[in-house]
C-alpha atoms as a PDB file:
ATOM      1  CA  MET A   1       9.172 -22.338 -11.908  1.00  0.00           C
ATOM      2  CA  SER A   2       9.786 -20.052  -8.989  1.00  0.00           C
ATOM      3  CA  THR A   3      12.810 -17.921  -8.325  1.00  0.00           C
ATOM      4  CA  GLY A   4      13.717 -16.489  -4.978  1.00  0.00           C
ATOM      5  CA  SER A   5      15.325 -13.150  -5.726  1.00  0.00           C
ATOM      6  CA  PRO A   6      15.825 -10.532  -8.429  1.00  0.00           C
ATOM      7  CA  HIS A   7      19.527 -11.412  -8.364  1.00  0.00           C
ATOM      8  CA  LEU A   8      18.729 -14.863  -9.718  1.00  0.00           C
ATOM      9  CA  LEU A   9      16.531 -13.318 -12.399  1.00  0.00           C
ATOM     10  CA  GLY A  10      19.556 -11.387 -13.598  1.00  0.00           C
ATOM     11  CA  SER A  11      21.863 -14.359 -13.742  1.00  0.00           C
ATOM     12  CA  ASN A  12      23.088 -15.816 -17.015  1.00  0.00           C
ATOM     13  CA  LEU A  13      20.593 -18.645 -16.641  1.00  0.00           C
ATOM     14  CA  PHE A  14      17.890 -16.230 -17.831  1.00  0.00           C
ATOM     15  CA  HIS A  15      19.893 -14.435 -20.503  1.00  0.00           C
ATOM     16  CA  PRO A  16      18.953 -15.674 -24.012  1.00  0.00           C
ATOM     17  CA  SER A  17      22.510 -15.503 -25.340  1.00  0.00           C
ATOM     18  CA  ALA A  18      23.713 -17.672 -22.449  1.00  0.00           C
ATOM     19  CA  ASN A  19      20.915 -20.146 -23.010  1.00  0.00           C
ATOM     20  CA  PRO A  20      20.264 -20.422 -26.780  1.00  0.00           C
ATOM     21  CA  ALA A  21      17.905 -23.369 -26.329  1.00  0.00           C
ATOM     22  CA  ALA A  22      15.634 -21.287 -24.115  1.00  0.00           C
ATOM     23  CA  PRO A  23      13.039 -23.281 -22.267  1.00  0.00           C
ATOM     24  CA  SER A  24       9.530 -23.132 -23.580  1.00  0.00           C
ATOM     25  CA  THR A  25       7.040 -22.407 -20.879  1.00  0.00           C
ATOM     26  CA  ARG A  26       3.589 -20.932 -20.816  1.00  0.00           C
ATOM     27  CA  SER A  27       3.300 -20.181 -17.109  1.00  0.00           C
ATOM     28  CA  LEU A  28       5.741 -18.602 -14.690  1.00  0.00           C
ATOM     29  CA  THR A  29       5.386 -17.451 -11.073  1.00  0.00           C
ATOM     30  CA  PRO A  30       8.552 -15.837  -9.727  1.00  0.00           C
ATOM     31  CA  SER A  31       8.746 -14.572  -6.182  1.00  0.00           C
ATOM     32  CA  THR A  32      11.025 -11.662  -5.387  1.00  0.00           C
ATOM     33  CA  GLY A  33      12.016  -9.313  -2.621  1.00  0.00           C
ATOM     34  CA  ARG A  34      11.905  -5.645  -3.476  1.00  0.00           C
ATOM     35  CA  VAL A  35      11.632  -5.280  -7.246  1.00  0.00           C
ATOM     36  CA  SER A  36      12.246  -1.596  -7.825  1.00  0.00           C
ATOM     37  CA  GLY A  37      14.957  -0.898 -10.369  1.00  0.00           C
ATOM     38  CA  VAL A  38      15.289  -4.437 -11.727  1.00  0.00           C
ATOM     39  CA  SER A  39      13.500  -4.069 -15.070  1.00  0.00           C
ATOM     40  CA  PHE A  40      16.698  -5.310 -16.791  1.00  0.00           C
ATOM     41  CA  TYR A  41      16.196  -8.668 -15.095  1.00  0.00           C
ATOM     42  CA  PHE A  42      12.582  -8.860 -16.196  1.00  0.00           C
ATOM     43  CA  HIS A  43      13.573  -7.953 -19.776  1.00  0.00           C
ATOM     44  CA  ASN A  44      15.961 -10.921 -19.771  1.00  0.00           C
ATOM     45  CA  LEU A  45      13.330 -13.174 -18.250  1.00  0.00           C
ATOM     46  CA  PHE A  46      10.730 -12.209 -20.865  1.00  0.00           C
ATOM     47  CA  ALA A  47      13.223 -12.605 -23.718  1.00  0.00           C
ATOM     48  CA  THR A  48      13.970 -16.103 -22.427  1.00  0.00           C
ATOM     49  CA  PHE A  49      10.295 -17.057 -22.297  1.00  0.00           C
ATOM     50  CA  PRO A  50       8.746 -15.300 -25.324  1.00  0.00           C
ATOM     51  CA  THR A  51       5.677 -17.573 -25.388  1.00  0.00           C
ATOM     52  CA  LEU A  52       4.769 -16.886 -21.775  1.00  0.00           C
ATOM     53  CA  GLU A  53       0.973 -16.739 -21.419  1.00  0.00           C
ATOM     54  CA  HIS A  54       0.470 -16.700 -17.634  1.00  0.00           C
ATOM     55  CA  LEU A  55       2.595 -14.579 -15.328  1.00  0.00           C
ATOM     56  CA  GLY A  56       2.172 -14.350 -11.574  1.00  0.00           C
ATOM     57  CA  LEU A  57       4.455 -12.388  -9.286  1.00  0.00           C
ATOM     58  CA  THR A  58       4.707 -12.262  -5.537  1.00  0.00           C
ATOM     59  CA  SER A  59       6.790  -9.282  -4.522  1.00  0.00           C
ATOM     60  CA  GLY A  60       8.046  -7.639  -1.385  1.00  0.00           C
ATOM     61  CA  GLY A  61       7.925  -4.260  -3.135  1.00  0.00           C
ATOM     62  CA  ALA A  62       6.052  -2.335  -5.792  1.00  0.00           C
ATOM     63  CA  PRO A  63       6.308  -4.192  -9.150  1.00  0.00           C
ATOM     64  CA  VAL A  64       6.739  -1.074 -11.300  1.00  0.00           C
ATOM     65  CA  ALA A  65       9.882  -2.548 -12.924  1.00  0.00           C
ATOM     66  CA  LEU A  66       7.912  -5.627 -13.989  1.00  0.00           C
ATOM     67  CA  LEU A  67       5.237  -3.460 -15.611  1.00  0.00           C
ATOM     68  CA  HIS A  68       7.857  -1.318 -17.360  1.00  0.00           C
ATOM     69  CA  ALA A  69       9.419  -4.482 -18.789  1.00  0.00           C
ATOM     70  CA  LEU A  70       5.998  -5.580 -20.129  1.00  0.00           C
ATOM     71  CA  THR A  71       5.494  -2.196 -21.817  1.00  0.00           C
ATOM     72  CA  PRO A  72       6.620  -2.036 -25.447  1.00  0.00           C
ATOM     73  CA  PRO A  73       9.027   0.854 -26.080  1.00  0.00           C
ATOM     74  CA  SER A  74       7.460   3.781 -27.908  1.00  0.00           C
ATOM     75  CA  SER A  75      10.201   3.450 -30.535  1.00  0.00           C
ATOM     76  CA  SER A  76       9.310  -0.155 -31.377  1.00  0.00           C
ATOM     77  CA  PRO A  77       7.203  -0.937 -34.445  1.00  0.00           C
ATOM     78  CA  SER A  78       3.506  -1.533 -33.965  1.00  0.00           C
ATOM     79  CA  ALA A  79       3.350  -5.261 -34.453  1.00  0.00           C
ATOM     80  CA  GLY A  80       1.301  -7.391 -32.097  1.00  0.00           C
ATOM     81  CA  ASP A  81       3.715 -10.311 -32.144  1.00  0.00           C
ATOM     82  CA  SER A  82       6.906  -8.392 -31.426  1.00  0.00           C
ATOM     83  CA  GLY A  83       6.389  -6.745 -28.036  1.00  0.00           C
ATOM     84  CA  PRO A  84       7.574  -8.081 -24.685  1.00  0.00           C
ATOM     85  CA  CYS A  85       5.643 -11.187 -23.698  1.00  0.00           C
ATOM     86  CA  HIS A  86       3.444 -10.789 -26.769  1.00  0.00           C
ATOM     87  CA  ALA A  87       1.582 -14.032 -25.954  1.00  0.00           C
ATOM     88  CA  LEU A  88       0.765 -12.963 -22.382  1.00  0.00           C
ATOM     89  CA  ARG A  89      -2.902 -13.488 -21.508  1.00  0.00           C
ATOM     90  CA  ASN A  90      -3.035 -13.509 -17.692  1.00  0.00           C
ATOM     91  CA  LEU A  91      -1.151 -11.309 -15.236  1.00  0.00           C
ATOM     92  CA  SER A  92      -1.444 -11.512 -11.462  1.00  0.00           C
ATOM     93  CA  CYS A  93       0.633  -9.785  -8.848  1.00  0.00           C
ATOM     94  CA  PHE A  94       0.645  -9.698  -5.069  1.00  0.00           C
ATOM     95  CA  PHE A  95       2.812  -6.938  -3.630  1.00  0.00           C
ATOM     96  CA  LYS A  96       3.570  -4.918  -0.492  1.00  0.00           C
ATOM     97  CA  SER A  97       4.212  -1.192  -0.691  1.00  0.00           C
ATOM     98  CA  ALA A  98       3.775   2.258   0.747  1.00  0.00           C
ATOM     99  CA  PRO A  99       0.532   4.019  -0.309  1.00  0.00           C
ATOM    100  CA  GLU A 100       2.263   6.248  -2.887  1.00  0.00           C
ATOM    101  CA  ASP A 101       4.021   3.228  -4.415  1.00  0.00           C
ATOM    102  CA  ALA A 102       0.730   1.324  -4.746  1.00  0.00           C
ATOM    103  CA  LYS A 103      -0.702   4.290  -6.643  1.00  0.00           C
ATOM    104  CA  ALA A 104       2.353   4.231  -8.944  1.00  0.00           C
ATOM    105  CA  VAL A 105       1.760   0.498  -9.571  1.00  0.00           C
ATOM    106  CA  PHE A 106      -1.806   1.114 -10.742  1.00  0.00           C
ATOM    107  CA  GLN A 107      -0.759   4.118 -12.881  1.00  0.00           C
ATOM    108  CA  THR A 108       2.062   2.106 -14.469  1.00  0.00           C
ATOM    109  CA  LEU A 109      -0.320  -0.808 -15.118  1.00  0.00           C
ATOM    110  CA  ILE A 110      -2.638   1.510 -17.063  1.00  0.00           C
ATOM    111  CA  GLU A 111       0.308   2.942 -19.038  1.00  0.00           C
ATOM    112  CA  CYS A 112       1.456  -0.614 -19.833  1.00  0.00           C
ATOM    113  CA  LEU A 113      -1.986  -1.743 -21.008  1.00  0.00           C
ATOM    114  CA  ARG A 114      -2.405   1.400 -23.151  1.00  0.00           C
ATOM    115  CA  ALA A 115       1.017   0.923 -24.786  1.00  0.00           C
ATOM    116  CA  ARG A 116       0.319  -2.743 -25.519  1.00  0.00           C
ATOM    117  CA  ALA A 117      -2.982  -1.763 -27.171  1.00  0.00           C
ATOM    118  CA  ARG A 118      -1.281   0.994 -29.225  1.00  0.00           C
ATOM    119  CA  HIS A 119       1.233  -1.565 -30.476  1.00  0.00           C
ATOM    120  CA  GLY A 120      -1.472  -3.958 -31.626  1.00  0.00           C
ATOM    121  CA  MET A 121      -0.777  -6.547 -28.963  1.00  0.00           C
ATOM    122  CA  ARG A 122      -3.627  -8.828 -27.907  1.00  0.00           C
ATOM    123  CA  PRO A 123      -5.408  -7.556 -24.823  1.00  0.00           C
ATOM    124  CA  LEU A 124      -4.873  -9.559 -21.682  1.00  0.00           C
ATOM    125  CA  ARG A 125      -7.720 -11.840 -20.605  1.00  0.00           C
ATOM    126  CA  GLN A 126      -7.211 -11.396 -16.898  1.00  0.00           C
ATOM    127  CA  VAL A 127      -5.378  -8.906 -14.686  1.00  0.00           C
ATOM    128  CA  ALA A 128      -5.248  -9.153 -10.897  1.00  0.00           C
ATOM    129  CA  MET A 129      -3.144  -6.723  -8.853  1.00  0.00           C
ATOM    130  CA  HIS A 130      -3.407  -7.097  -5.089  1.00  0.00           C
ATOM    131  CA  GLY A 131      -1.449  -4.680  -2.932  1.00  0.00           C
ATOM    132  CA  GLN A 132      -0.844  -4.788   0.770  1.00  0.00           C
ATOM    133  CA  VAL A 133      -0.336  -1.126   1.647  1.00  0.00           C
ATOM    134  CA  ILE A 134       1.949  -0.550   4.604  1.00  0.00           C
ATOM    135  CA  PRO A 135       1.817   3.012   5.982  1.00  0.00           C
ATOM    136  CA  SER A 136       5.050   4.642   7.045  1.00  0.00           C
ATOM    137  CA  ASP A 137       5.636   5.514  10.696  1.00  0.00           C
ATOM    138  CA  GLY A 138       4.409   9.089  10.230  1.00  0.00           C
ATOM    139  CA  ASP A 139       1.052   8.111   8.711  1.00  0.00           C
ATOM    140  CA  ALA A 140      -2.247   8.272  10.532  1.00  0.00           C
ATOM    141  CA  GLU A 141      -3.242   5.947  13.322  1.00  0.00           C
ATOM    142  CA  GLU A 142      -4.797   2.609  12.478  1.00  0.00           C
ATOM    143  CA  GLY A 143      -8.004   2.998  10.494  1.00  0.00           C
ATOM    144  CA  GLU A 144      -7.457   6.690   9.758  1.00  0.00           C
ATOM    145  CA  GLY A 145      -6.298   8.546   6.707  1.00  0.00           C
ATOM    146  CA  VAL A 146      -4.552   5.830   4.682  1.00  0.00           C
ATOM    147  CA  ARG A 147      -6.790   5.027   1.744  1.00  0.00           C
ATOM    148  CA  LEU A 148      -6.098   4.200  -1.846  1.00  0.00           C
ATOM    149  CA  ASP A 149      -9.086   4.111  -4.143  1.00  0.00           C
ATOM    150  CA  ALA A 150      -8.336   1.723  -7.002  1.00  0.00           C
ATOM    151  CA  GLY A 151     -11.714   2.565  -8.591  1.00  0.00           C
ATOM    152  CA  PRO A 152     -10.501   5.032 -11.268  1.00  0.00           C
ATOM    153  CA  TYR A 153      -7.757   2.626 -12.325  1.00  0.00           C
ATOM    154  CA  LEU A 154     -10.160  -0.300 -12.293  1.00  0.00           C
ATOM    155  CA  ALA A 155     -12.579   1.427 -14.665  1.00  0.00           C
ATOM    156  CA  GLU A 156      -9.858   2.223 -17.186  1.00  0.00           C
ATOM    157  CA  ALA A 157      -8.206  -1.204 -16.910  1.00  0.00           C
ATOM    158  CA  ARG A 158     -11.538  -2.877 -17.683  1.00  0.00           C
ATOM    159  CA  GLY A 159     -11.602  -1.023 -20.995  1.00  0.00           C
ATOM    160  CA  LEU A 160      -8.139  -2.364 -21.864  1.00  0.00           C
ATOM    161  CA  VAL A 161      -8.547  -6.001 -20.782  1.00  0.00           C
ATOM    162  CA  GLU A 162     -10.749  -8.610 -22.491  1.00  0.00           C
ATOM    163  CA  GLY A 163     -11.962 -10.270 -19.319  1.00  0.00           C
ATOM    164  CA  GLU A 164     -11.726  -9.971 -15.576  1.00  0.00           C
ATOM    165  CA  VAL A 165      -9.823  -7.200 -13.793  1.00  0.00           C
ATOM    166  CA  GLU A 166      -9.152  -7.062 -10.050  1.00  0.00           C
ATOM    167  CA  LEU A 167      -7.268  -4.171  -8.471  1.00  0.00           C
ATOM    168  CA  THR A 168      -7.335  -4.276  -4.699  1.00  0.00           C
ATOM    169  CA  THR A 169      -5.472  -2.798  -1.779  1.00  0.00           C
ATOM    170  CA  GLN A 170      -5.489  -3.706   1.864  1.00  0.00           C
ATOM    171  CA  VAL A 171      -3.998  -1.448   4.513  1.00  0.00           C
ATOM    172  CA  LYS A 172      -1.814  -3.294   6.989  1.00  0.00           C
ATOM    173  CA  TYR A 173      -0.709  -1.561  10.178  1.00  0.00           C
END
């Protein structure tokens, strides 16, 4: 299933109370425009598909809202089968962002993985986050100064994921 915009994700179609016989799916790959500030929509989506195991996202913006929605609240009980998308095993995301937003994505990913581990949720088997970093007009000329080292995030993510982890960025001028 693929959706075209965050607006559709927030529609009643994806709200559990509006759809009591929620579809059972194990794999979902929505595609959105900018996704900042739409965690409410992702919460509804994940509540609708509680047995989701494979999630892929193609986004025109930094997917911080998606990662926040996958993070169990600190106030929730530590029970591995009660967090958001508790059955999730594979997460992949392709996004476009400014350099500082890409850094926030990787930081939020680590926070999400830590929180899921603290709550006793199964570790993910595979995580792939691929960012296309687009410098703003005031940034350095092509090939100069715009770098984002995913290495520190990669090392920590590997300790929180059972299998393969890919965190990459590509600068696009």
